[in-house]
Amino acid sequence: MPSEPTRTYAETDRFRDALIHQSDLSGLEIRDCWFEERLKIVDCWGRDVYLAGDFGRVVVNDVDVTAYVQSELDRIHPSRRLAREAETADEIRSVWNLLEKEWAATVERVRAMPEEKQHERVDGEWSFVETLRHLLFASDKWFGNCVLEEDSPYHPLGYGPAGSDEGTGIDTSVEAGLDEVLEARLARMATIRGYVAGLTDEDLDRLCERRPVGGYTDAEFSVRRCLKVVLDEEAEHHRYAVRDLAVLASRD
């Protein structure tokens, strides 16, 4: 695994509009950051560049590769496109059923792995167990809280980005095994399955009175919007999980 960064900068705007010129950036890692205006890397050279995230437009050496990257990801992971494009109750129902099947197959694969592999991180990403804990948190946040308006929507084993657990009762320092996390996750998935089974297009237009935690300033959160976030989270994190499992398998 790569070495840990020697210096960490968090929640800062010190690099906004900065120019880094003729500097050695070996080992530089930029994680969970954003830019509303363009990010530009020019006249640089190196042996290995890795980009991952949600980018509106990506240009490499004057070639726009945005559409290619999108289509290739959709080809490898069809549920990703289906989740993104789902708008009707039937489409959401169909995607959810597909995602459940994908995750069930992947979980069975992980059960056959040594326990330490289930908790092993790849290049600083979440482990498989941590990924399941994050999906538990995401479904609690967008479905249990917003759509169902449960009194206590958050399971204590949930796992979100730093600071996202404020006021939820979640303790991310607690360790948990695969079976313990799966028990909570499968229970939440069963609740979603039961809900989407009877979902109608009219239900999707209902505005949720509760807002998701995390400082969202948007005015409206419809049932459709909240469910699509859940679908996107499930599809994208399954992609990440399969990617990292391939790395773990190669190490064996």
C-alpha atoms as a PDB file:
ATOM      1  CA  MET A   1       0.000   0.000   0.000  1.00  0.00           C
ATOM      2  CA  PRO A   2       1.189   3.579  -0.590  1.00  0.00           C
ATOM      3  CA  SER A   3       2.787   5.391   2.292  1.00  0.00           C
ATOM      4  CA  GLU A   4       0.698   7.767   4.347  1.00  0.00           C
ATOM      5  CA  PRO A   5       0.966  11.463   3.388  1.00  0.00           C
ATOM      6  CA  THR A   6       3.520  13.323   5.518  1.00  0.00           C
ATOM      7  CA  ARG A   7       1.232  16.362   5.757  1.00  0.00           C
ATOM      8  CA  THR A   8      -2.557  16.570   5.688  1.00  0.00           C
ATOM      9  CA  TYR A   9      -4.595  19.655   4.832  1.00  0.00           C
ATOM     10  CA  ALA A  10      -8.299  19.461   5.640  1.00  0.00           C
ATOM     11  CA  GLU A  11     -11.209  21.887   5.306  1.00  0.00           C
ATOM     12  CA  THR A  12      -9.052  24.649   3.890  1.00  0.00           C
ATOM     13  CA  ASP A  13      -9.248  27.029   0.952  1.00  0.00           C
ATOM     14  CA  ARG A  14      -5.510  27.764   0.998  1.00  0.00           C
ATOM     15  CA  PHE A  15      -5.094  26.082  -2.400  1.00  0.00           C
ATOM     16  CA  ARG A  16      -7.918  27.948  -4.126  1.00  0.00           C
ATOM     17  CA  ASP A  17      -6.502  29.804  -7.164  1.00  0.00           C
ATOM     18  CA  ALA A  18      -3.020  28.570  -6.220  1.00  0.00           C
ATOM     19  CA  LEU A  19      -0.252  27.931  -8.742  1.00  0.00           C
ATOM     20  CA  ILE A  20       2.060  24.996  -8.016  1.00  0.00           C
ATOM     21  CA  HIS A  21       5.070  25.518 -10.266  1.00  0.00           C
ATOM     22  CA  GLN A  22       8.100  23.296 -10.956  1.00  0.00           C
ATOM     23  CA  SER A  23       7.495  21.174  -7.859  1.00  0.00           C
ATOM     24  CA  ASP A  24       7.857  17.479  -7.086  1.00  0.00           C
ATOM     25  CA  LEU A  25       4.332  16.159  -6.507  1.00  0.00           C
ATOM     26  CA  SER A  26       5.276  12.486  -6.166  1.00  0.00           C
ATOM     27  CA  GLY A  27       2.820  10.715  -3.866  1.00  0.00           C
ATOM     28  CA  LEU A  28       0.402  13.668  -3.819  1.00  0.00           C
ATOM     29  CA  GLU A  29      -3.127  12.554  -2.969  1.00  0.00           C
ATOM     30  CA  ILE A  30      -6.196  14.805  -3.246  1.00  0.00           C
ATOM     31  CA  ARG A  31      -9.253  13.240  -1.606  1.00  0.00           C
ATOM     32  CA  ASP A  32     -12.855  14.371  -1.010  1.00  0.00           C
ATOM     33  CA  CYS A  33     -12.230  17.830  -2.475  1.00  0.00           C
ATOM     34  CA  TRP A  34     -14.246  19.902  -4.917  1.00  0.00           C
ATOM     35  CA  PHE A  35     -13.810  22.645  -7.482  1.00  0.00           C
ATOM     36  CA  GLU A  36     -16.650  24.711  -8.910  1.00  0.00           C
ATOM     37  CA  GLU A  37     -14.362  26.177 -11.526  1.00  0.00           C
ATOM     38  CA  ARG A  38     -11.905  24.222 -13.622  1.00  0.00           C
ATOM     39  CA  LEU A  39      -8.928  22.316 -12.288  1.00  0.00           C
ATOM     40  CA  LYS A  40      -5.992  22.511 -14.694  1.00  0.00           C
ATOM     41  CA  ILE A  41      -2.787  20.463 -14.871  1.00  0.00           C
ATOM     42  CA  VAL A  42      -0.483  21.613 -17.670  1.00  0.00           C
ATOM     43  CA  ASP A  43       3.000  20.712 -18.954  1.00  0.00           C
ATOM     44  CA  CYS A  44       3.527  18.065 -16.295  1.00  0.00           C
ATOM     45  CA  TRP A  45       5.007  14.618 -16.678  1.00  0.00           C
ATOM     46  CA  GLY A  46       4.871  11.417 -14.678  1.00  0.00           C
ATOM     47  CA  ARG A  47       4.462   7.673 -14.894  1.00  0.00           C
ATOM     48  CA  ASP A  48       1.120   7.077 -13.196  1.00  0.00           C
ATOM     49  CA  VAL A  49      -1.947   9.334 -12.890  1.00  0.00           C
ATOM     50  CA  TYR A  50      -5.179   8.102 -11.338  1.00  0.00           C
ATOM     51  CA  LEU A  51      -8.436  10.088 -11.320  1.00  0.00           C
ATOM     52  CA  ALA A  52     -11.678   9.046  -9.665  1.00  0.00           C
ATOM     53  CA  GLY A  53     -14.727  11.140  -8.909  1.00  0.00           C
ATOM     54  CA  ASP A  54     -17.724  12.895 -10.406  1.00  0.00           C
ATOM     55  CA  PHE A  55     -16.363  15.190 -13.106  1.00  0.00           C
ATOM     56  CA  GLY A  56     -18.512  17.154 -15.513  1.00  0.00           C
ATOM     57  CA  ARG A  57     -15.796  17.219 -18.179  1.00  0.00           C
ATOM     58  CA  VAL A  58     -12.394  15.555 -18.413  1.00  0.00           C
ATOM     59  CA  VAL A  59      -9.849  16.544 -21.056  1.00  0.00           C
ATOM     60  CA  VAL A  60      -6.528  14.692 -21.386  1.00  0.00           C
ATOM     61  CA  ASN A  61      -3.927  16.218 -23.675  1.00  0.00           C
ATOM     62  CA  ASP A  62      -6.617  18.212 -25.490  1.00  0.00           C
ATOM     63  CA  VAL A  63      -8.819  15.128 -26.005  1.00  0.00           C
ATOM     64  CA  ASP A  64     -12.226  15.186 -24.310  1.00  0.00           C
ATOM     65  CA  VAL A  65     -12.564  11.698 -22.777  1.00  0.00           C
ATOM     66  CA  THR A  66     -15.714  12.398 -20.756  1.00  0.00           C
ATOM     67  CA  ALA A  67     -18.127  10.431 -22.934  1.00  0.00           C
ATOM     68  CA  TYR A  68     -15.693   7.545 -23.354  1.00  0.00           C
ATOM     69  CA  VAL A  69     -15.187   7.141 -19.609  1.00  0.00           C
ATOM     70  CA  GLN A  70     -18.934   7.290 -18.977  1.00  0.00           C
ATOM     71  CA  SER A  71     -19.768   4.734 -21.662  1.00  0.00           C
ATOM     72  CA  GLU A  72     -17.011   2.353 -20.616  1.00  0.00           C
ATOM     73  CA  LEU A  73     -18.117   2.407 -16.975  1.00  0.00           C
ATOM     74  CA  ASP A  74     -21.717   1.816 -18.065  1.00  0.00           C
ATOM     75  CA  ARG A  75     -20.607  -1.102 -20.244  1.00  0.00           C
ATOM     76  CA  ILE A  76     -18.731  -2.794 -17.420  1.00  0.00           C
ATOM     77  CA  HIS A  77     -21.370  -1.988 -14.785  1.00  0.00           C
ATOM     78  CA  PRO A  78     -24.832  -1.842 -16.450  1.00  0.00           C
ATOM     79  CA  SER A  79     -26.619  -1.256 -13.134  1.00  0.00           C
ATOM     80  CA  ARG A  80     -24.797   2.071 -12.897  1.00  0.00           C
ATOM     81  CA  ARG A  81     -26.543   3.459 -15.976  1.00  0.00           C
ATOM     82  CA  LEU A  82     -29.893   1.952 -14.999  1.00  0.00           C
ATOM     83  CA  ALA A  83     -29.672   3.561 -11.569  1.00  0.00           C
ATOM     84  CA  ARG A  84     -28.784   6.923 -13.075  1.00  0.00           C
ATOM     85  CA  GLU A  85     -31.610   6.855 -15.623  1.00  0.00           C
ATOM     86  CA  ALA A  86     -34.391   5.341 -13.486  1.00  0.00           C
ATOM     87  CA  GLU A  87     -37.357   7.720 -13.239  1.00  0.00           C
ATOM     88  CA  THR A  88     -40.552   5.640 -12.991  1.00  0.00           C
ATOM     89  CA  ALA A  89     -41.668   3.318 -10.220  1.00  0.00           C
ATOM     90  CA  ASP A  90     -41.201   0.278 -12.463  1.00  0.00           C
ATOM     91  CA  GLU A  91     -37.662   1.344 -13.376  1.00  0.00           C
ATOM     92  CA  ILE A  92     -36.691   1.975  -9.760  1.00  0.00           C
ATOM     93  CA  ARG A  93     -38.157  -1.375  -8.749  1.00  0.00           C
ATOM     94  CA  SER A  94     -36.244  -3.165 -11.506  1.00  0.00           C
ATOM     95  CA  VAL A  95     -32.923  -1.525 -10.653  1.00  0.00           C
ATOM     96  CA  TRP A  96     -33.310  -2.254  -6.948  1.00  0.00           C
ATOM     97  CA  ASN A  97     -33.930  -5.946  -7.646  1.00  0.00           C
ATOM     98  CA  LEU A  98     -30.848  -6.070  -9.873  1.00  0.00           C
ATOM     99  CA  LEU A  99     -28.675  -4.360  -7.278  1.00  0.00           C
ATOM    100  CA  GLU A 100     -29.796  -6.767  -4.571  1.00  0.00           C
ATOM    101  CA  LYS A 101     -28.781  -9.709  -6.751  1.00  0.00           C
ATOM    102  CA  GLU A 102     -25.394  -8.164  -7.532  1.00  0.00           C
ATOM    103  CA  TRP A 103     -24.645  -7.494  -3.892  1.00  0.00           C
ATOM    104  CA  ALA A 104     -25.799 -10.970  -2.816  1.00  0.00           C
ATOM    105  CA  ALA A 105     -23.369 -12.588  -5.254  1.00  0.00           C
ATOM    106  CA  THR A 106     -20.517 -10.317  -4.145  1.00  0.00           C
ATOM    107  CA  VAL A 107     -21.189 -10.967  -0.454  1.00  0.00           C
ATOM    108  CA  GLU A 108     -21.001 -14.716  -1.057  1.00  0.00           C
ATOM    109  CA  ARG A 109     -17.664 -14.183  -2.757  1.00  0.00           C
ATOM    110  CA  VAL A 110     -16.378 -12.220   0.234  1.00  0.00           C
ATOM    111  CA  ARG A 111     -17.605 -14.826   2.724  1.00  0.00           C
ATOM    112  CA  ALA A 112     -15.134 -17.258   1.169  1.00  0.00           C
ATOM    113  CA  MET A 113     -12.243 -14.866   1.843  1.00  0.00           C
ATOM    114  CA  PRO A 114     -10.198 -14.787   5.071  1.00  0.00           C
ATOM    115  CA  GLU A 115     -11.677 -12.451   7.664  1.00  0.00           C
ATOM    116  CA  GLU A 116      -8.739 -10.070   7.541  1.00  0.00           C
ATOM    117  CA  LYS A 117      -9.374  -9.501   3.834  1.00  0.00           C
ATOM    118  CA  GLN A 118     -12.922  -8.378   4.633  1.00  0.00           C
ATOM    119  CA  HIS A 119     -11.412  -5.539   6.679  1.00  0.00           C
ATOM    120  CA  GLU A 120      -8.424  -4.775   4.463  1.00  0.00           C
ATOM    121  CA  ARG A 121      -8.293  -1.441   2.683  1.00  0.00           C
ATOM    122  CA  VAL A 122      -6.951  -0.970  -0.836  1.00  0.00           C
ATOM    123  CA  ASP A 123      -5.075   2.285  -1.510  1.00  0.00           C
ATOM    124  CA  GLY A 124      -6.777   3.990   1.415  1.00  0.00           C
ATOM    125  CA  GLU A 125     -10.323   3.214   0.254  1.00  0.00           C
ATOM    126  CA  TRP A 126     -12.916   1.718   2.571  1.00  0.00           C
ATOM    127  CA  SER A 127     -12.705  -1.989   3.260  1.00  0.00           C
ATOM    128  CA  PHE A 128     -15.570  -4.243   2.190  1.00  0.00           C
ATOM    129  CA  VAL A 129     -17.099  -4.190   5.675  1.00  0.00           C
ATOM    130  CA  GLU A 130     -16.724  -0.415   5.863  1.00  0.00           C
ATOM    131  CA  THR A 131     -18.401  -0.121   2.456  1.00  0.00           C
ATOM    132  CA  LEU A 132     -21.413  -2.090   3.714  1.00  0.00           C
ATOM    133  CA  ARG A 133     -21.536   0.134   6.785  1.00  0.00           C
ATOM    134  CA  HIS A 134     -21.515   3.204   4.549  1.00  0.00           C
ATOM    135  CA  LEU A 135     -24.396   1.864   2.456  1.00  0.00           C
ATOM    136  CA  LEU A 136     -26.313   1.217   5.659  1.00  0.00           C
ATOM    137  CA  PHE A 137     -25.776   4.858   6.600  1.00  0.00           C
ATOM    138  CA  ALA A 138     -26.733   6.095   3.121  1.00  0.00           C
ATOM    139  CA  SER A 139     -30.008   4.147   3.068  1.00  0.00           C
ATOM    140  CA  ASP A 140     -30.813   5.257   6.620  1.00  0.00           C
ATOM    141  CA  LYS A 141     -30.095   8.866   5.660  1.00  0.00           C
ATOM    142  CA  TRP A 142     -32.003   9.056   2.378  1.00  0.00           C
ATOM    143  CA  PHE A 143     -34.668   6.409   2.898  1.00  0.00           C
ATOM    144  CA  GLY A 144     -35.296   5.803   6.595  1.00  0.00           C
ATOM    145  CA  ASN A 145     -34.958   9.467   7.493  1.00  0.00           C
ATOM    146  CA  CYS A 146     -36.279  11.323   4.444  1.00  0.00           C
ATOM    147  CA  VAL A 147     -38.770   8.933   2.839  1.00  0.00           C
ATOM    148  CA  LEU A 148     -40.136   6.991   5.834  1.00  0.00           C
ATOM    149  CA  GLU A 149     -39.489   9.698   8.461  1.00  0.00           C
ATOM    150  CA  GLU A 150     -38.619   7.078  11.074  1.00  0.00           C
ATOM    151  CA  ASP A 151     -38.219   8.204  14.672  1.00  0.00           C
ATOM    152  CA  SER A 152     -34.722   6.667  14.886  1.00  0.00           C
ATOM    153  CA  PRO A 153     -33.594   6.038  11.319  1.00  0.00           C
ATOM    154  CA  TYR A 154     -29.857   5.614  11.915  1.00  0.00           C
ATOM    155  CA  HIS A 155     -28.332   2.289  12.861  1.00  0.00           C
ATOM    156  CA  PRO A 156     -25.285   2.767  15.144  1.00  0.00           C
ATOM    157  CA  LEU A 157     -23.084   0.695  12.820  1.00  0.00           C
ATOM    158  CA  GLY A 158     -23.553   3.147   9.941  1.00  0.00           C
ATOM    159  CA  TYR A 159     -20.433   4.693   8.463  1.00  0.00           C
ATOM    160  CA  GLY A 160     -20.326   8.018   6.651  1.00  0.00           C
ATOM    161  CA  PRO A 161     -17.771  10.632   5.630  1.00  0.00           C
ATOM    162  CA  ALA A 162     -16.097  12.595   8.409  1.00  0.00           C
ATOM    163  CA  GLY A 163     -18.600  14.789  10.220  1.00  0.00           C
ATOM    164  CA  SER A 164     -21.671  13.274   8.574  1.00  0.00           C
ATOM    165  CA  ASP A 165     -22.675  11.338  11.694  1.00  0.00           C
ATOM    166  CA  GLU A 166     -23.422  14.443  13.755  1.00  0.00           C
ATOM    167  CA  GLY A 167     -26.711  14.045  15.614  1.00  0.00           C
ATOM    168  CA  THR A 168     -27.289  10.502  14.341  1.00  0.00           C
ATOM    169  CA  GLY A 169     -26.032   8.469  17.287  1.00  0.00           C
ATOM    170  CA  ILE A 170     -23.493   6.720  15.050  1.00  0.00           C
ATOM    171  CA  ASP A 171     -20.068   5.853  16.443  1.00  0.00           C
ATOM    172  CA  THR A 172     -17.670   5.120  13.572  1.00  0.00           C
ATOM    173  CA  SER A 173     -14.961   4.051  16.028  1.00  0.00           C
ATOM    174  CA  VAL A 174     -16.904   0.883  16.849  1.00  0.00           C
ATOM    175  CA  GLU A 175     -15.537  -2.194  15.098  1.00  0.00           C
ATOM    176  CA  ALA A 176     -17.890  -4.787  13.634  1.00  0.00           C
ATOM    177  CA  GLY A 177     -17.628  -8.026  11.707  1.00  0.00           C
ATOM    178  CA  LEU A 178     -19.189  -8.936   8.394  1.00  0.00           C
ATOM    179  CA  ASP A 179     -22.103 -10.918   9.850  1.00  0.00           C
ATOM    180  CA  GLU A 180     -23.016  -8.195  12.340  1.00  0.00           C
ATOM    181  CA  VAL A 181     -23.013  -5.512   9.655  1.00  0.00           C
ATOM    182  CA  LEU A 182     -24.914  -7.719   7.223  1.00  0.00           C
ATOM    183  CA  GLU A 183     -27.662  -8.324   9.742  1.00  0.00           C
ATOM    184  CA  ALA A 184     -28.364  -4.591   9.954  1.00  0.00           C
ATOM    185  CA  ARG A 185     -27.869  -3.974   6.238  1.00  0.00           C
ATOM    186  CA  LEU A 186     -30.113  -6.815   5.089  1.00  0.00           C
ATOM    187  CA  ALA A 187     -32.840  -5.622   7.430  1.00  0.00           C
ATOM    188  CA  ARG A 188     -32.717  -2.157   5.880  1.00  0.00           C
ATOM    189  CA  MET A 189     -32.612  -3.608   2.373  1.00  0.00           C
ATOM    190  CA  ALA A 190     -35.710  -5.663   3.144  1.00  0.00           C
ATOM    191  CA  THR A 191     -37.500  -2.470   4.213  1.00  0.00           C
ATOM    192  CA  ILE A 192     -36.566  -0.800   0.933  1.00  0.00           C
ATOM    193  CA  ARG A 193     -37.617  -3.878  -1.033  1.00  0.00           C
ATOM    194  CA  GLY A 194     -41.032  -3.863   0.603  1.00  0.00           C
ATOM    195  CA  TYR A 195     -41.464  -0.155  -0.054  1.00  0.00           C
ATOM    196  CA  VAL A 196     -40.518  -0.185  -3.742  1.00  0.00           C
ATOM    197  CA  ALA A 197     -42.681  -3.271  -4.324  1.00  0.00           C
ATOM    198  CA  GLY A 198     -45.775  -1.124  -3.911  1.00  0.00           C
ATOM    199  CA  LEU A 199     -44.291   2.114  -5.241  1.00  0.00           C
ATOM    200  CA  THR A 200     -46.310   4.196  -7.728  1.00  0.00           C
ATOM    201  CA  ASP A 201     -45.290   7.090  -9.949  1.00  0.00           C
ATOM    202  CA  GLU A 202     -47.463   9.368  -7.823  1.00  0.00           C
ATOM    203  CA  ASP A 203     -45.520   8.339  -4.708  1.00  0.00           C
ATOM    204  CA  LEU A 204     -42.291   9.466  -6.375  1.00  0.00           C
ATOM    205  CA  ASP A 205     -43.510  13.050  -6.685  1.00  0.00           C
ATOM    206  CA  ARG A 206     -44.202  13.438  -2.962  1.00  0.00           C
ATOM    207  CA  LEU A 207     -41.911  15.959  -1.276  1.00  0.00           C
ATOM    208  CA  CYS A 208     -40.161  14.718   1.851  1.00  0.00           C
ATOM    209  CA  GLU A 209     -40.581  16.943   4.884  1.00  0.00           C
ATOM    210  CA  ARG A 210     -37.302  15.835   6.434  1.00  0.00           C
ATOM    211  CA  ARG A 211     -33.936  16.878   5.076  1.00  0.00           C
ATOM    212  CA  PRO A 212     -30.856  14.653   4.929  1.00  0.00           C
ATOM    213  CA  VAL A 213     -28.059  15.374   7.383  1.00  0.00           C
ATOM    214  CA  GLY A 214     -25.008  17.047   5.917  1.00  0.00           C
ATOM    215  CA  GLY A 215     -25.909  20.697   5.401  1.00  0.00           C
ATOM    216  CA  TYR A 216     -27.936  20.403   2.211  1.00  0.00           C
ATOM    217  CA  THR A 217     -29.405  23.765   1.204  1.00  0.00           C
ATOM    218  CA  ASP A 218     -31.614  22.536  -1.655  1.00  0.00           C
ATOM    219  CA  ALA A 219     -35.241  23.529  -1.331  1.00  0.00           C
ATOM    220  CA  GLU A 220     -36.937  20.243  -2.222  1.00  0.00           C
ATOM    221  CA  PHE A 221     -36.277  16.538  -1.783  1.00  0.00           C
ATOM    222  CA  SER A 222     -38.805  14.336  -3.532  1.00  0.00           C
ATOM    223  CA  VAL A 223     -39.173  10.613  -2.909  1.00  0.00           C
ATOM    224  CA  ARG A 224     -37.815  10.067  -6.412  1.00  0.00           C
ATOM    225  CA  ARG A 225     -34.704  12.092  -5.709  1.00  0.00           C
ATOM    226  CA  CYS A 226     -34.034  10.311  -2.413  1.00  0.00           C
ATOM    227  CA  LEU A 227     -34.514   6.843  -3.866  1.00  0.00           C
ATOM    228  CA  LYS A 228     -32.255   7.660  -6.821  1.00  0.00           C
ATOM    229  CA  VAL A 229     -29.501   8.681  -4.411  1.00  0.00           C
ATOM    230  CA  VAL A 230     -29.846   5.287  -2.731  1.00  0.00           C
ATOM    231  CA  LEU A 231     -29.675   3.525  -6.107  1.00  0.00           C
ATOM    232  CA  ASP A 232     -26.627   5.541  -7.170  1.00  0.00           C
ATOM    233  CA  GLU A 233     -24.862   4.819  -3.882  1.00  0.00           C
ATOM    234  CA  GLU A 234     -25.540   1.098  -4.219  1.00  0.00           C
ATOM    235  CA  ALA A 235     -24.369   0.951  -7.843  1.00  0.00           C
ATOM    236  CA  GLU A 236     -21.233   3.066  -7.428  1.00  0.00           C
ATOM    237  CA  HIS A 237     -20.061   1.389  -4.239  1.00  0.00           C
ATOM    238  CA  HIS A 238     -20.608  -2.031  -5.748  1.00  0.00           C
ATOM    239  CA  ARG A 239     -18.289  -0.914  -8.533  1.00  0.00           C
ATOM    240  CA  TYR A 240     -15.709   0.207  -5.987  1.00  0.00           C
ATOM    241  CA  ALA A 241     -16.050  -3.027  -4.014  1.00  0.00           C
ATOM    242  CA  VAL A 242     -15.568  -5.248  -7.065  1.00  0.00           C
ATOM    243  CA  ARG A 243     -12.565  -3.165  -8.098  1.00  0.00           C
ATOM    244  CA  ASP A 244     -10.890  -3.537  -4.702  1.00  0.00           C
ATOM    245  CA  LEU A 245     -11.743  -7.218  -4.395  1.00  0.00           C
ATOM    246  CA  ALA A 246      -9.861  -7.809  -7.634  1.00  0.00           C
ATOM    247  CA  VAL A 247      -6.803  -6.155  -6.083  1.00  0.00           C
ATOM    248  CA  LEU A 248      -7.102  -8.235  -2.910  1.00  0.00           C
ATOM    249  CA  ALA A 249      -7.403 -11.409  -4.989  1.00  0.00           C
ATOM    250  CA  SER A 250      -4.296 -10.489  -6.986  1.00  0.00           C
ATOM    251  CA  ARG A 251      -2.326 -10.099  -3.762  1.00  0.00           C
ATOM    252  CA  ASP A 252      -3.068 -13.726  -2.919  1.00  0.00           C
END
